[in-house]
Amino acid sequence: MAEAVRFGRRRGLGQREEERRQLMEGMRETRSQLNYAYAQFNAHSDPDLVDACVYEINALQSRYSYYVRQVKQLEAAREGAG
């Protein structure tokens, strides 16, 4: 019975590590997209294109904030379980 609990914990830890890996990958990709969006913002002078860049930057910042919150929640859950 104790082995089943340990196996369950290991599997749970593995799932959390995979989830963390995916979140970190999402953060990396979003950071890359943000850098590109900022470059586009700096390259355009047409007001409509500048507006589009601003909306894209805001959306990407929101996505990045989501990833940060999720990673913090995962870390807190791991500390609470450990």
N, C-alpha and C. Protein backbone atom coordinates (compact mmCIF):
# COMPACT_ATOMS: atom_id res chain seq x y z
N MET A 1 0.82 -1.19 0.00
CA MET A 1 0.00 0.00 0.00
C MET A 1 0.87 1.26 0.00
N ALA A 2 1.94 1.27 0.79
CA ALA A 2 2.82 2.43 0.84
C ALA A 2 3.48 2.66 -0.51
N GLU A 3 3.77 1.57 -1.23
CA GLU A 3 4.38 1.72 -2.56
C GLU A 3 3.42 2.40 -3.52
N ALA A 4 2.14 2.10 -3.40
CA ALA A 4 1.15 2.72 -4.28
C ALA A 4 1.09 4.22 -4.01
N VAL A 5 1.19 4.62 -2.74
CA VAL A 5 1.18 6.04 -2.40
C VAL A 5 2.42 6.70 -2.97
N ARG A 6 3.57 6.05 -2.78
CA ARG A 6 4.81 6.63 -3.32
C ARG A 6 4.75 6.73 -4.83
N PHE A 7 4.22 5.69 -5.49
CA PHE A 7 4.11 5.73 -6.94
C PHE A 7 3.21 6.88 -7.36
N GLY A 8 2.10 7.05 -6.66
CA GLY A 8 1.16 8.14 -6.96
C GLY A 8 1.83 9.50 -6.79
N ARG A 9 2.63 9.63 -5.75
CA ARG A 9 3.35 10.90 -5.55
C ARG A 9 4.34 11.15 -6.67
N ARG A 10 5.06 10.11 -7.03
CA ARG A 10 6.04 10.28 -8.11
C ARG A 10 5.34 10.69 -9.40
N ARG A 11 4.24 10.00 -9.69
CA ARG A 11 3.51 10.34 -10.91
C ARG A 11 2.98 11.76 -10.82
N GLY A 12 2.48 12.15 -9.65
CA GLY A 12 2.00 13.51 -9.46
C GLY A 12 3.11 14.53 -9.63
N LEU A 13 4.27 14.21 -9.09
CA LEU A 13 5.41 15.11 -9.25
C LEU A 13 5.83 15.19 -10.71
N GLY A 14 5.81 14.06 -11.39
CA GLY A 14 6.16 14.05 -12.81
C GLY A 14 5.19 14.88 -13.64
N GLN A 15 3.92 14.79 -13.30
CA GLN A 15 2.92 15.58 -14.01
C GLN A 15 3.12 17.07 -13.75
N ARG A 16 3.45 17.40 -12.48
CA ARG A 16 3.68 18.80 -12.15
C ARG A 16 4.92 19.33 -12.86
N GLU A 17 5.95 18.49 -12.93
CA GLU A 17 7.17 18.91 -13.63
C GLU A 17 6.90 19.12 -15.11
N GLU A 18 6.09 18.24 -15.69
CA GLU A 18 5.74 18.40 -17.11
C GLU A 18 4.91 19.67 -17.31
N GLU A 19 3.98 19.90 -16.39
CA GLU A 19 3.16 21.12 -16.49
C GLU A 19 4.06 22.36 -16.36
N ARG A 20 5.01 22.31 -15.42
CA ARG A 20 5.93 23.43 -15.25
C ARG A 20 6.76 23.63 -16.51
N ARG A 21 7.24 22.55 -17.10
CA ARG A 21 8.03 22.63 -18.32
C ARG A 21 7.22 23.29 -19.43
N GLN A 22 5.95 22.90 -19.56
CA GLN A 22 5.09 23.48 -20.59
C GLN A 22 4.84 24.96 -20.33
N LEU A 23 4.61 25.31 -19.07
CA LEU A 23 4.41 26.71 -18.73
C LEU A 23 5.65 27.54 -19.04
N MET A 24 6.81 27.02 -18.70
CA MET A 24 8.06 27.74 -18.96
C MET A 24 8.28 27.89 -20.47
N GLU A 25 7.94 26.88 -21.22
CA GLU A 25 8.05 26.96 -22.68
C GLU A 25 7.09 28.03 -23.22
N GLY A 26 5.88 28.08 -22.68
CA GLY A 26 4.93 29.11 -23.07
C GLY A 26 5.44 30.50 -22.75
N MET A 27 6.07 30.64 -21.59
CA MET A 27 6.65 31.94 -21.23
C MET A 27 7.76 32.32 -22.19
N ARG A 28 8.62 31.36 -22.53
CA ARG A 28 9.73 31.64 -23.45
C ARG A 28 9.19 32.06 -24.81
N GLU A 29 8.20 31.35 -25.29
CA GLU A 29 7.63 31.67 -26.60
C GLU A 29 6.93 33.03 -26.58
N THR A 30 6.21 33.30 -25.52
CA THR A 30 5.52 34.58 -25.40
C THR A 30 6.51 35.74 -25.31
N ARG A 31 7.61 35.54 -24.58
CA ARG A 31 8.66 36.56 -24.50
C ARG A 31 9.23 36.85 -25.88
N SER A 32 9.43 35.80 -26.66
CA SER A 32 9.95 35.96 -28.02
C SER A 32 8.95 36.74 -28.88
N GLN A 33 7.68 36.41 -28.75
CA GLN A 33 6.65 37.12 -29.51
C GLN A 33 6.57 38.59 -29.08
N LEU A 34 6.73 38.83 -27.79
CA LEU A 34 6.73 40.21 -27.29
C LEU A 34 7.88 41.01 -27.88
N ASN A 35 9.05 40.41 -27.92
CA ASN A 35 10.20 41.10 -28.51
C ASN A 35 9.93 41.46 -29.96
N TYR A 36 9.32 40.54 -30.70
CA TYR A 36 9.00 40.81 -32.10
C TYR A 36 7.94 41.92 -32.19
N ALA A 37 6.93 41.87 -31.33
CA ALA A 37 5.88 42.88 -31.36
C ALA A 37 6.44 44.27 -31.05
N TYR A 38 7.37 44.34 -30.08
CA TYR A 38 8.01 45.63 -29.78
C TYR A 38 8.84 46.12 -30.98
N ALA A 39 9.50 45.21 -31.64
CA ALA A 39 10.29 45.59 -32.82
C ALA A 39 9.37 46.14 -33.92
N GLN A 40 8.23 45.48 -34.11
CA GLN A 40 7.27 45.96 -35.10
C GLN A 40 6.71 47.33 -34.71
N PHE A 41 6.43 47.51 -33.43
CA PHE A 41 5.94 48.78 -32.94
C PHE A 41 6.94 49.90 -33.25
N ASN A 42 8.21 49.61 -33.02
CA ASN A 42 9.25 50.61 -33.28
C ASN A 42 9.49 50.86 -34.77
N ALA A 43 9.10 49.90 -35.60
CA ALA A 43 9.36 50.01 -37.03
C ALA A 43 8.25 50.74 -37.80
N HIS A 44 7.05 50.78 -37.23
CA HIS A 44 5.91 51.34 -37.96
C HIS A 44 5.65 52.79 -37.55
N SER A 45 5.15 53.53 -38.53
CA SER A 45 4.76 54.91 -38.24
C SER A 45 3.29 55.16 -38.56
N ASP A 46 2.66 54.25 -39.31
CA ASP A 46 1.24 54.40 -39.62
C ASP A 46 0.42 54.20 -38.34
N PRO A 47 -0.47 55.12 -38.04
CA PRO A 47 -1.24 55.03 -36.79
C PRO A 47 -2.02 53.73 -36.62
N ASP A 48 -2.57 53.21 -37.70
CA ASP A 48 -3.33 51.96 -37.60
C ASP A 48 -2.41 50.79 -37.24
N LEU A 49 -1.24 50.76 -37.84
CA LEU A 49 -0.29 49.68 -37.53
C LEU A 49 0.26 49.81 -36.12
N VAL A 50 0.49 51.04 -35.68
CA VAL A 50 0.95 51.26 -34.32
C VAL A 50 -0.11 50.79 -33.33
N ASP A 51 -1.38 51.12 -33.60
CA ASP A 51 -2.48 50.65 -32.75
C ASP A 51 -2.53 49.12 -32.70
N ALA A 52 -2.37 48.49 -33.85
CA ALA A 52 -2.39 47.03 -33.90
C ALA A 52 -1.25 46.45 -33.06
N CYS A 53 -0.10 47.07 -33.13
CA CYS A 53 1.04 46.61 -32.32
C CYS A 53 0.76 46.77 -30.83
N VAL A 54 0.15 47.89 -30.46
CA VAL A 54 -0.17 48.13 -29.06
C VAL A 54 -1.13 47.06 -28.55
N TYR A 55 -2.16 46.73 -29.34
CA TYR A 55 -3.11 45.70 -28.93
C TYR A 55 -2.41 44.34 -28.80
N GLU A 56 -1.54 44.05 -29.73
CA GLU A 56 -0.82 42.78 -29.69
C GLU A 56 0.10 42.71 -28.47
N ILE A 57 0.79 43.80 -28.20
CA ILE A 57 1.68 43.85 -27.03
C ILE A 57 0.88 43.66 -25.74
N ASN A 58 -0.26 44.33 -25.64
CA ASN A 58 -1.10 44.18 -24.44
C ASN A 58 -1.59 42.74 -24.28
N ALA A 59 -1.99 42.12 -25.37
CA ALA A 59 -2.46 40.73 -25.31
C ALA A 59 -1.33 39.80 -24.89
N LEU A 60 -0.16 40.01 -25.43
CA LEU A 60 0.99 39.17 -25.08
C LEU A 60 1.42 39.38 -23.63
N GLN A 61 1.34 40.61 -23.16
CA GLN A 61 1.66 40.87 -21.75
C GLN A 61 0.67 40.17 -20.83
N SER A 62 -0.59 40.15 -21.21
CA SER A 62 -1.60 39.44 -20.43
C SER A 62 -1.32 37.94 -20.42
N ARG A 63 -0.95 37.40 -21.57
CA ARG A 63 -0.63 35.98 -21.65
C ARG A 63 0.59 35.66 -20.78
N TYR A 64 1.59 36.51 -20.83
CA TYR A 64 2.79 36.30 -20.03
C TYR A 64 2.45 36.33 -18.54
N SER A 65 1.61 37.28 -18.14
CA SER A 65 1.19 37.37 -16.73
C SER A 65 0.46 36.10 -16.30
N TYR A 66 -0.36 35.55 -17.20
CA TYR A 66 -1.05 34.29 -16.92
C TYR A 66 -0.03 33.19 -16.63
N TYR A 67 0.98 33.06 -17.48
CA TYR A 67 1.99 32.03 -17.27
C TYR A 67 2.71 32.22 -15.94
N VAL A 68 3.04 33.45 -15.61
CA VAL A 68 3.73 33.73 -14.34
C VAL A 68 2.85 33.30 -13.17
N ARG A 69 1.56 33.65 -13.20
CA ARG A 69 0.65 33.25 -12.12
C ARG A 69 0.56 31.73 -12.00
N GLN A 70 0.47 31.05 -13.15
CA GLN A 70 0.35 29.60 -13.13
C GLN A 70 1.61 28.94 -12.54
N VAL A 71 2.77 29.45 -12.91
CA VAL A 71 4.02 28.90 -12.38
C VAL A 71 4.09 29.13 -10.87
N LYS A 72 3.70 30.30 -10.40
CA LYS A 72 3.70 30.59 -8.96
C LYS A 72 2.75 29.67 -8.22
N GLN A 73 1.57 29.43 -8.78
CA GLN A 73 0.61 28.52 -8.15
C GLN A 73 1.16 27.11 -8.09
N LEU A 74 1.80 26.68 -9.15
CA LEU A 74 2.39 25.34 -9.19
C LEU A 74 3.50 25.23 -8.16
N GLU A 75 4.33 26.25 -8.05
CA GLU A 75 5.42 26.25 -7.07
C GLU A 75 4.84 26.20 -5.65
N ALA A 76 3.79 26.98 -5.38
CA ALA A 76 3.17 27.00 -4.06
C ALA A 76 2.58 25.63 -3.73
N ALA A 77 1.95 24.99 -4.72
CA ALA A 77 1.37 23.66 -4.50
C ALA A 77 2.48 22.65 -4.22
N ARG A 78 3.59 22.78 -4.91
CA ARG A 78 4.71 21.85 -4.71
C ARG A 78 5.30 22.03 -3.32
N GLU A 79 5.45 23.28 -2.89
CA GLU A 79 5.99 23.54 -1.55
C GLU A 79 5.04 23.03 -0.48
N GLY A 80 3.73 23.20 -0.72
CA GLY A 80 2.74 22.74 0.24
C GLY A 80 2.70 21.21 0.34
N ALA A 81 2.97 20.54 -0.78
CA ALA A 81 2.95 19.07 -0.79
C ALA A 81 4.26 18.49 -0.31
N GLY A 82 5.34 19.27 -0.38
CA GLY A 82 6.67 18.75 -0.05
C GLY A 82 6.96 18.88 1.38
